[in-house]
Amino acid sequence: MLNSHTLNVQIARPLEEVYEFLLEPTNFGKWAYAGDAQMKYLGGRDWAVQTSVGPRIIRFAERNSFGILDYFSQLTPDSPPHPIPMRVVANGEGTELIYTSFQRPGMSEAEWKSVIEWVTADLLALKSLLEARQG
């Protein structure tokens, strides 16, 4: 089994708004990788993403009625897809975002800790971005 780390973030915005924002792939670059991702559409739900931590290919979730926003990340087109489970659920009038990271095979403990720090920063940036839309 891979090491995992799950983060929960409460976002003071309605579930539907958070889900729709996260479902749209072009919004990914606004919050992921500290808001510094450049994206190129590849077809279907696949995007090439140039990030501060290197290039990735991301396959985004299809629309569904369960709040599932899982996506897959690949280092190269030939590398195995790495799952990134993400869900949103209603929390009163707001939203609970649940995000799980798995340590990639061969990733050092230092790299793993760094990934968790990056993901935490990304999710806090997402929270700030969405909550700033109030008004």
Protein backbone atom coordinates (compact mmCIF):
# COMPACT_ATOMS: atom_id res chain seq x y z
CA MET A 1 0.00 0.00 0.00
CA LEU A 2 1.08 3.56 -0.68
CA ASN A 3 1.41 6.16 2.06
CA SER A 4 -1.50 8.60 1.98
CA HIS A 5 -2.44 11.93 3.48
CA THR A 6 -5.99 13.30 3.50
CA LEU A 7 -6.78 16.97 3.90
CA ASN A 8 -10.17 18.46 4.71
CA VAL A 9 -10.82 22.12 3.91
CA GLN A 10 -14.00 23.97 4.81
CA ILE A 11 -15.02 26.49 2.15
CA ALA A 12 -17.68 29.06 3.02
CA ARG A 13 -19.38 28.81 -0.37
CA PRO A 14 -22.32 26.69 -1.57
CA LEU A 15 -21.58 23.12 -2.66
CA GLU A 16 -22.87 23.66 -6.21
CA GLU A 17 -20.60 26.68 -6.73
CA VAL A 18 -17.50 24.89 -5.45
CA TYR A 19 -18.26 21.75 -7.48
CA GLU A 20 -18.84 23.67 -10.71
CA PHE A 21 -15.63 25.67 -10.23
CA LEU A 22 -13.54 22.55 -9.60
CA LEU A 23 -15.17 20.55 -12.40
CA GLU A 24 -13.99 23.08 -15.00
CA PRO A 25 -10.42 22.11 -16.00
CA THR A 26 -9.45 25.67 -16.98
CA ASN A 27 -9.90 26.72 -13.35
CA PHE A 28 -7.19 24.27 -12.22
CA GLY A 29 -4.41 26.71 -13.02
CA LYS A 30 -6.03 29.35 -10.82
CA TRP A 31 -5.39 27.42 -7.62
CA ALA A 32 -3.23 24.33 -8.18
CA TYR A 33 0.55 24.53 -7.94
CA ALA A 34 0.24 27.88 -6.16
CA GLY A 35 -1.75 29.34 -9.05
CA ASP A 36 1.17 29.05 -11.44
CA ALA A 37 0.02 26.35 -13.87
CA GLN A 38 -0.02 26.83 -17.65
CA MET A 39 -2.42 24.48 -19.42
CA LYS A 40 -2.86 23.07 -22.93
CA TYR A 41 -5.95 21.08 -23.95
CA LEU A 42 -5.14 17.58 -25.28
CA GLY A 43 -8.66 16.29 -25.95
CA GLY A 44 -11.38 14.60 -23.91
CA ARG A 45 -10.75 15.42 -20.24
CA ASP A 46 -6.92 15.47 -20.68
CA TRP A 47 -4.74 18.55 -20.27
CA ALA A 48 -0.98 19.10 -20.39
CA VAL A 49 -0.04 21.24 -17.41
CA GLN A 50 3.27 23.04 -17.02
CA THR A 51 3.67 23.60 -13.30
CA SER A 52 6.19 24.94 -10.86
CA VAL A 53 7.12 21.30 -10.08
CA GLY A 54 7.41 20.17 -13.71
CA PRO A 55 5.16 19.01 -16.54
CA ARG A 56 2.12 16.85 -15.86
CA ILE A 57 -0.73 15.37 -17.85
CA ILE A 58 -3.99 15.68 -15.93
CA ARG A 59 -7.21 13.77 -16.64
CA PHE A 60 -10.14 15.48 -14.96
CA ALA A 61 -13.36 13.92 -13.63
CA GLU A 62 -16.57 13.67 -15.60
CA ARG A 63 -19.65 15.47 -14.29
CA ASN A 64 -21.51 13.33 -11.73
CA SER A 65 -24.13 13.75 -9.01
CA PHE A 66 -21.92 12.54 -6.15
CA GLY A 67 -19.47 15.45 -5.74
CA ILE A 68 -16.60 13.30 -7.03
CA LEU A 69 -13.78 15.34 -8.56
CA ASP A 70 -11.07 12.68 -8.75
CA TYR A 71 -8.36 13.30 -11.27
CA PHE A 72 -5.30 11.45 -12.50
CA SER A 73 -1.81 12.87 -12.92
CA GLN A 74 0.89 11.46 -15.18
CA LEU A 75 4.52 12.55 -15.32
CA THR A 76 4.74 11.48 -18.98
CA PRO A 77 2.25 10.04 -21.49
CA ASP A 78 3.80 6.59 -20.88
CA SER A 79 3.84 6.69 -17.08
CA PRO A 80 1.04 5.06 -15.11
CA PRO A 81 -1.78 7.41 -14.07
CA HIS A 82 -1.49 8.49 -10.44
CA PRO A 83 -4.91 8.82 -8.76
CA ILE A 84 -5.82 11.93 -6.80
CA PRO A 85 -9.16 11.42 -5.03
CA MET A 86 -11.08 14.62 -4.34
CA ARG A 87 -14.66 15.04 -3.13
CA VAL A 88 -16.94 17.87 -2.10
CA VAL A 89 -19.83 17.42 0.30
CA ALA A 90 -22.31 19.87 1.75
CA ASN A 91 -21.44 21.21 5.19
CA GLY A 92 -24.40 23.33 6.19
CA GLU A 93 -24.47 26.24 3.75
CA GLY A 94 -20.81 25.68 2.90
CA THR A 95 -18.67 22.91 1.44
CA GLU A 96 -16.25 20.37 2.86
CA LEU A 97 -13.48 19.53 0.40
CA ILE A 98 -11.76 16.18 0.99
CA TYR A 99 -8.48 15.61 -0.87
CA THR A 100 -6.22 12.56 -0.59
CA SER A 101 -2.63 12.43 -1.82
CA PHE A 102 -0.77 9.15 -2.32
CA GLN A 103 3.00 8.94 -2.21
CA ARG A 104 4.25 7.94 -5.65
CA PRO A 105 6.40 4.80 -5.80
CA GLY A 106 10.07 5.75 -5.54
CA MET A 107 9.33 9.15 -4.00
CA SER A 108 11.60 10.00 -1.08
CA GLU A 109 10.21 10.99 2.32
CA ALA A 110 11.50 14.55 1.78
CA GLU A 111 9.71 14.76 -1.59
CA TRP A 112 6.55 13.33 0.00
CA LYS A 113 6.58 15.94 2.77
CA SER A 114 7.10 18.65 0.16
CA VAL A 115 4.10 17.38 -1.85
CA ILE A 116 1.90 17.56 1.23
CA GLU A 117 3.06 21.14 1.87
CA TRP A 118 2.34 22.10 -1.77
CA VAL A 119 -1.11 20.50 -1.70
CA THR A 120 -1.94 22.24 1.56
CA ALA A 121 -0.89 25.59 0.07
CA ASP A 122 -2.91 24.89 -3.09
CA LEU A 123 -6.07 24.01 -1.15
CA LEU A 124 -5.76 27.09 1.03
CA ALA A 125 -5.32 29.18 -2.15
CA LEU A 126 -8.48 27.56 -3.53
CA LYS A 127 -10.37 28.33 -0.31
CA SER A 128 -9.25 31.97 -0.42
CA LEU A 129 -10.09 32.31 -4.10
CA LEU A 130 -13.60 30.92 -3.73
CA GLU A 131 -14.42 32.73 -0.50
CA ALA A 132 -13.25 36.05 -1.99
CA ARG A 133 -16.02 35.66 -4.58
CA GLN A 134 -18.61 36.46 -1.88
CA GLY A 135 -20.22 39.81 -1.97
